[in-house]
């Protein structure tokens, strides 16, 4: 079973699944290279904004991280 995280951020329409993510300065458990496995964009006109939910797994390889 892979170690994973989920995050909800202000709308970021460029986020996509399979994109490499680098996390730094959060904690030793979270710092490192990740790969987005699921990205969901939620456009809410009632609340006046958009959010993006990203689910990622630890361990993007060096080739993926170099492309970011």
C-alpha atoms as a PDB file:
ATOM      1  CA  UNK A   1       0.000   0.000   0.000  1.00  0.00           C
ATOM      2  CA  UNK A   2       1.407   3.395  -0.996  1.00  0.00           C
ATOM      3  CA  UNK A   3       1.644   6.298   1.401  1.00  0.00           C
ATOM      4  CA  UNK A   4      -0.626   9.141   0.282  1.00  0.00           C
ATOM      5  CA  UNK A   5      -1.821  12.642   1.072  1.00  0.00           C
ATOM      6  CA  UNK A   6      -4.829  14.756   0.156  1.00  0.00           C
ATOM      7  CA  UNK A   7      -4.895  18.539  -0.078  1.00  0.00           C
ATOM      8  CA  UNK A   8      -7.522  21.119  -0.972  1.00  0.00           C
ATOM      9  CA  UNK A   9      -6.217  24.410  -2.364  1.00  0.00           C
ATOM     10  CA  UNK A  10      -7.668  27.536  -3.925  1.00  0.00           C
ATOM     11  CA  UNK A  11      -8.594  26.795  -7.520  1.00  0.00           C
ATOM     12  CA  UNK A  12      -5.580  25.811  -9.597  1.00  0.00           C
ATOM     13  CA  UNK A  13      -6.795  24.820 -13.064  1.00  0.00           C
ATOM     14  CA  UNK A  14      -3.333  23.750 -14.251  1.00  0.00           C
ATOM     15  CA  UNK A  15      -3.189  20.871 -11.743  1.00  0.00           C
ATOM     16  CA  UNK A  16      -3.536  17.466 -13.383  1.00  0.00           C
ATOM     17  CA  UNK A  17      -3.245  13.795 -12.495  1.00  0.00           C
ATOM     18  CA  UNK A  18       0.153  12.140 -13.002  1.00  0.00           C
ATOM     19  CA  UNK A  19       1.965  15.455 -12.519  1.00  0.00           C
ATOM     20  CA  UNK A  20       4.990  15.456 -10.203  1.00  0.00           C
ATOM     21  CA  UNK A  21       4.738  17.497  -6.984  1.00  0.00           C
ATOM     22  CA  UNK A  22       7.601  18.580  -4.729  1.00  0.00           C
ATOM     23  CA  UNK A  23       6.777  19.364  -1.092  1.00  0.00           C
ATOM     24  CA  UNK A  24       9.351  21.240   0.983  1.00  0.00           C
ATOM     25  CA  UNK A  25       9.381  22.833   4.415  1.00  0.00           C
ATOM     26  CA  UNK A  26       6.279  21.119   5.793  1.00  0.00           C
ATOM     27  CA  UNK A  27       7.565  18.163   7.810  1.00  0.00           C
ATOM     28  CA  UNK A  28      10.083  15.363   7.437  1.00  0.00           C
ATOM     29  CA  UNK A  29       7.209  12.958   6.775  1.00  0.00           C
ATOM     30  CA  UNK A  30       5.806  15.044   3.899  1.00  0.00           C
ATOM     31  CA  UNK A  31       8.892  16.633   2.328  1.00  0.00           C
ATOM     32  CA  UNK A  32       9.915  14.993  -0.936  1.00  0.00           C
ATOM     33  CA  UNK A  33       8.710  14.040  -4.373  1.00  0.00           C
ATOM     34  CA  UNK A  34       5.085  13.013  -4.905  1.00  0.00           C
ATOM     35  CA  UNK A  35       2.947  12.119  -7.914  1.00  0.00           C
ATOM     36  CA  UNK A  36      -0.637  13.366  -8.242  1.00  0.00           C
ATOM     37  CA  UNK A  37      -2.971  10.399  -8.649  1.00  0.00           C
ATOM     38  CA  UNK A  38      -6.305  12.247  -8.621  1.00  0.00           C
ATOM     39  CA  UNK A  39      -7.159  15.898  -9.224  1.00  0.00           C
ATOM     40  CA  UNK A  40     -10.684  17.257  -8.836  1.00  0.00           C
ATOM     41  CA  UNK A  41     -11.633  20.829  -9.745  1.00  0.00           C
ATOM     42  CA  UNK A  42     -14.758  22.240  -8.061  1.00  0.00           C
ATOM     43  CA  UNK A  43     -16.204  25.439  -9.516  1.00  0.00           C
ATOM     44  CA  UNK A  44     -18.707  26.989  -7.111  1.00  0.00           C
ATOM     45  CA  UNK A  45     -20.419  30.118  -8.356  1.00  0.00           C
ATOM     46  CA  UNK A  46     -22.482  30.340  -5.158  1.00  0.00           C
ATOM     47  CA  UNK A  47     -19.421  30.672  -2.924  1.00  0.00           C
ATOM     48  CA  UNK A  48     -17.629  32.861  -5.448  1.00  0.00           C
ATOM     49  CA  UNK A  49     -14.629  30.697  -6.184  1.00  0.00           C
ATOM     50  CA  UNK A  50     -13.040  27.439  -7.108  1.00  0.00           C
ATOM     51  CA  UNK A  51     -11.108  24.779  -5.235  1.00  0.00           C
ATOM     52  CA  UNK A  52      -8.816  22.016  -6.385  1.00  0.00           C
ATOM     53  CA  UNK A  53      -8.442  18.751  -4.481  1.00  0.00           C
ATOM     54  CA  UNK A  54      -5.219  16.832  -5.081  1.00  0.00           C
ATOM     55  CA  UNK A  55      -4.541  13.281  -3.942  1.00  0.00           C
ATOM     56  CA  UNK A  56      -0.932  12.186  -4.297  1.00  0.00           C
ATOM     57  CA  UNK A  57       1.296   9.196  -3.564  1.00  0.00           C
ATOM     58  CA  UNK A  58       4.859   9.401  -2.308  1.00  0.00           C
ATOM     59  CA  UNK A  59       7.705   8.502  -4.584  1.00  0.00           C
ATOM     60  CA  UNK A  60       7.748  10.282  -7.933  1.00  0.00           C
ATOM     61  CA  UNK A  61      10.879   9.089  -9.716  1.00  0.00           C
ATOM     62  CA  UNK A  62      13.723  11.435 -10.637  1.00  0.00           C
ATOM     63  CA  UNK A  63      12.668  11.698 -14.305  1.00  0.00           C
ATOM     64  CA  UNK A  64       9.167  12.891 -13.340  1.00  0.00           C
ATOM     65  CA  UNK A  65      10.462  15.459 -10.831  1.00  0.00           C
ATOM     66  CA  UNK A  66      12.975  16.872 -13.313  1.00  0.00           C
ATOM     67  CA  UNK A  67      10.129  17.627 -15.727  1.00  0.00           C
ATOM     68  CA  UNK A  68       8.327  19.880 -13.233  1.00  0.00           C
END
